[in-house]
Amino acid sequence: MEEALRLTTGNKSAATRMLGLKRTTLVAKLRRKNGSIQESTVMASDRTDRDELFSEFIAAADSRKDT
């Protein structure tokens, strides 16, 4: 979840699409995990790095589907 939020620069709607969750589910999980409404989102300073990380994230997710 945190990786999806980081890759989407904190955009919860985009992160939920990546994770296949409803937005309310993501927010609830984040609240339980963090013990509050605070979500840590680290913005990537370089678009190229963010795009590369996103590609790696999608590749990892796709490989999990194959198992």
N, C-alpha and C. Protein backbone atom coordinates (compact mmCIF):
# COMPACT_ATOMS: atom_id res chain seq x y z
N MET A 1 0.82 -1.19 0.00
CA MET A 1 0.00 0.00 0.00
C MET A 1 0.87 1.25 0.00
N GLU A 2 1.84 1.25 0.86
CA GLU A 2 2.71 2.43 0.93
C GLU A 2 3.46 2.64 -0.38
N GLU A 3 3.89 1.56 -0.98
CA GLU A 3 4.61 1.67 -2.26
C GLU A 3 3.68 2.22 -3.34
N ALA A 4 2.45 1.75 -3.38
CA ALA A 4 1.49 2.25 -4.37
C ALA A 4 1.24 3.74 -4.15
N LEU A 5 1.10 4.17 -2.90
CA LEU A 5 0.90 5.59 -2.61
C LEU A 5 2.13 6.40 -2.99
N ARG A 6 3.29 5.85 -2.73
CA ARG A 6 4.53 6.57 -3.08
C ARG A 6 4.63 6.73 -4.58
N LEU A 7 4.33 5.65 -5.30
CA LEU A 7 4.44 5.70 -6.77
C LEU A 7 3.41 6.63 -7.39
N THR A 8 2.29 6.79 -6.74
CA THR A 8 1.25 7.67 -7.26
C THR A 8 1.29 9.04 -6.60
N THR A 9 2.39 9.33 -5.94
CA THR A 9 2.61 10.59 -5.22
C THR A 9 1.42 10.95 -4.34
N GLY A 10 0.91 9.94 -3.63
CA GLY A 10 -0.15 10.16 -2.66
C GLY A 10 -1.56 10.13 -3.20
N ASN A 11 -1.73 9.88 -4.48
CA ASN A 11 -3.06 9.85 -5.08
C ASN A 11 -3.74 8.54 -4.70
N LYS A 12 -4.67 8.61 -3.75
CA LYS A 12 -5.31 7.39 -3.25
C LYS A 12 -6.13 6.69 -4.31
N SER A 13 -6.81 7.45 -5.17
CA SER A 13 -7.62 6.83 -6.22
C SER A 13 -6.74 6.03 -7.18
N ALA A 14 -5.61 6.59 -7.58
CA ALA A 14 -4.69 5.87 -8.47
C ALA A 14 -4.09 4.66 -7.77
N ALA A 15 -3.76 4.82 -6.49
CA ALA A 15 -3.20 3.70 -5.73
C ALA A 15 -4.20 2.56 -5.61
N THR A 16 -5.48 2.90 -5.40
CA THR A 16 -6.48 1.84 -5.28
C THR A 16 -6.66 1.09 -6.58
N ARG A 17 -6.56 1.79 -7.70
CA ARG A 17 -6.64 1.10 -8.99
C ARG A 17 -5.47 0.13 -9.15
N MET A 18 -4.27 0.56 -8.73
CA MET A 18 -3.10 -0.31 -8.81
C MET A 18 -3.28 -1.56 -7.95
N LEU A 19 -3.89 -1.37 -6.78
CA LEU A 19 -4.01 -2.45 -5.81
C LEU A 19 -5.29 -3.26 -5.96
N GLY A 20 -6.22 -2.77 -6.77
CA GLY A 20 -7.47 -3.48 -6.94
C GLY A 20 -8.37 -3.38 -5.72
N LEU A 21 -8.32 -2.24 -5.01
CA LEU A 21 -9.12 -2.02 -3.81
C LEU A 21 -10.09 -0.86 -4.04
N LYS A 22 -11.09 -0.76 -3.18
CA LYS A 22 -11.92 0.43 -3.13
C LYS A 22 -11.17 1.47 -2.30
N ARG A 23 -11.42 2.75 -2.59
CA ARG A 23 -10.72 3.82 -1.88
C ARG A 23 -10.98 3.74 -0.38
N THR A 24 -12.21 3.47 0.00
CA THR A 24 -12.54 3.39 1.43
C THR A 24 -11.80 2.25 2.11
N THR A 25 -11.59 1.17 1.40
CA THR A 25 -10.84 0.03 1.95
C THR A 25 -9.39 0.43 2.18
N LEU A 26 -8.81 1.12 1.20
CA LEU A 26 -7.42 1.57 1.35
C LEU A 26 -7.27 2.49 2.55
N VAL A 27 -8.17 3.46 2.67
CA VAL A 27 -8.09 4.41 3.79
C VAL A 27 -8.23 3.67 5.12
N ALA A 28 -9.15 2.73 5.20
CA ALA A 28 -9.35 1.98 6.45
C ALA A 28 -8.10 1.17 6.79
N LYS A 29 -7.50 0.53 5.79
CA LYS A 29 -6.28 -0.25 6.03
C LYS A 29 -5.14 0.65 6.49
N LEU A 30 -5.03 1.82 5.89
CA LEU A 30 -3.97 2.75 6.29
C LEU A 30 -4.18 3.22 7.72
N ARG A 31 -5.43 3.49 8.08
CA ARG A 31 -5.71 3.91 9.45
C ARG A 31 -5.34 2.83 10.45
N ARG A 32 -5.69 1.59 10.12
CA ARG A 32 -5.35 0.48 11.03
C ARG A 32 -3.84 0.31 11.12
N LYS A 33 -3.17 0.39 9.99
CA LYS A 33 -1.72 0.18 9.96
C LYS A 33 -0.99 1.29 10.72
N ASN A 34 -1.39 2.51 10.49
CA ASN A 34 -0.69 3.66 11.07
C ASN A 34 -1.24 4.07 12.42
N GLY A 35 -2.37 3.54 12.80
CA GLY A 35 -2.97 3.93 14.07
C GLY A 35 -3.60 5.30 14.04
N SER A 36 -3.64 5.92 12.88
CA SER A 36 -4.27 7.23 12.72
C SER A 36 -4.54 7.46 11.24
N ILE A 37 -4.99 8.63 10.92
CA ILE A 37 -5.30 8.94 9.52
C ILE A 37 -4.04 9.33 8.73
N GLN A 38 -2.91 9.43 9.40
CA GLN A 38 -1.69 9.86 8.72
C GLN A 38 -1.20 8.78 7.77
N GLU A 39 -0.98 9.17 6.52
CA GLU A 39 -0.37 8.27 5.55
C GLU A 39 0.95 8.90 5.12
N SER A 40 2.00 8.11 5.13
CA SER A 40 3.28 8.65 4.69
C SER A 40 3.38 8.46 3.18
N THR A 41 3.53 9.55 2.49
CA THR A 41 3.70 9.50 1.04
C THR A 41 4.95 10.28 0.69
N VAL A 42 5.88 9.60 0.11
CA VAL A 42 7.13 10.22 -0.28
C VAL A 42 7.05 10.51 -1.76
N MET A 43 7.18 11.78 -2.11
CA MET A 43 7.10 12.14 -3.51
C MET A 43 8.45 11.88 -4.18
N ALA A 44 8.40 11.26 -5.33
CA ALA A 44 9.62 11.03 -6.09
C ALA A 44 10.05 12.35 -6.71
N SER A 45 11.30 12.69 -6.54
CA SER A 45 11.77 13.97 -7.04
C SER A 45 12.03 13.92 -8.54
N ASP A 46 12.27 12.76 -9.06
CA ASP A 46 12.59 12.63 -10.47
C ASP A 46 11.56 11.74 -11.15
N ARG A 47 10.88 12.26 -12.16
CA ARG A 47 9.83 11.51 -12.85
C ARG A 47 10.37 10.21 -13.42
N THR A 48 11.57 10.20 -13.93
CA THR A 48 12.16 8.98 -14.49
C THR A 48 12.28 7.90 -13.44
N ASP A 49 12.75 8.25 -12.26
CA ASP A 49 12.86 7.29 -11.17
C ASP A 49 11.49 6.74 -10.79
N ARG A 50 10.49 7.61 -10.72
CA ARG A 50 9.14 7.18 -10.36
C ARG A 50 8.58 6.23 -11.42
N ASP A 51 8.79 6.56 -12.69
CA ASP A 51 8.30 5.69 -13.76
C ASP A 51 8.99 4.33 -13.73
N GLU A 52 10.29 4.34 -13.44
CA GLU A 52 11.03 3.08 -13.35
C GLU A 52 10.53 2.23 -12.18
N LEU A 53 10.31 2.86 -11.04
CA LEU A 53 9.79 2.14 -9.88
C LEU A 53 8.39 1.61 -10.14
N PHE A 54 7.57 2.39 -10.83
CA PHE A 54 6.22 1.95 -11.16
C PHE A 54 6.27 0.71 -12.05
N SER A 55 7.15 0.71 -13.03
CA SER A 55 7.30 -0.45 -13.91
C SER A 55 7.71 -1.69 -13.12
N GLU A 56 8.63 -1.52 -12.19
CA GLU A 56 9.06 -2.64 -11.35
C GLU A 56 7.91 -3.14 -10.48
N PHE A 57 7.12 -2.21 -9.95
CA PHE A 57 5.98 -2.58 -9.10
C PHE A 57 4.96 -3.39 -9.90
N ILE A 58 4.65 -2.94 -11.11
CA ILE A 58 3.68 -3.64 -11.96
C ILE A 58 4.23 -5.01 -12.34
N ALA A 59 5.51 -5.10 -12.67
CA ALA A 59 6.11 -6.38 -13.03
C ALA A 59 6.03 -7.36 -11.85
N ALA A 60 6.27 -6.88 -10.65
CA ALA A 60 6.19 -7.73 -9.47
C ALA A 60 4.76 -8.19 -9.24
N ALA A 61 3.81 -7.29 -9.42
CA ALA A 61 2.40 -7.65 -9.25
C ALA A 61 1.98 -8.69 -10.29
N ASP A 62 2.43 -8.51 -11.52
CA ASP A 62 2.09 -9.46 -12.58
C ASP A 62 2.69 -10.84 -12.30
N SER A 63 3.90 -10.86 -11.76
CA SER A 63 4.53 -12.15 -11.48
C SER A 63 3.81 -12.89 -10.36
N ARG A 64 3.22 -12.13 -9.41
CA ARG A 64 2.44 -12.77 -8.34
C ARG A 64 1.15 -13.36 -8.87
N LYS A 65 0.59 -12.78 -9.93
CA LYS A 65 -0.64 -13.31 -10.52
C LYS A 65 -0.39 -14.67 -11.16
N ASP A 66 0.82 -14.89 -11.65
CA ASP A 66 1.16 -16.14 -12.34
C ASP A 66 1.30 -17.32 -11.38
N THR A 67 1.45 -17.05 -10.10
CA THR A 67 1.67 -18.15 -9.15
C THR A 67 0.40 -18.66 -8.57
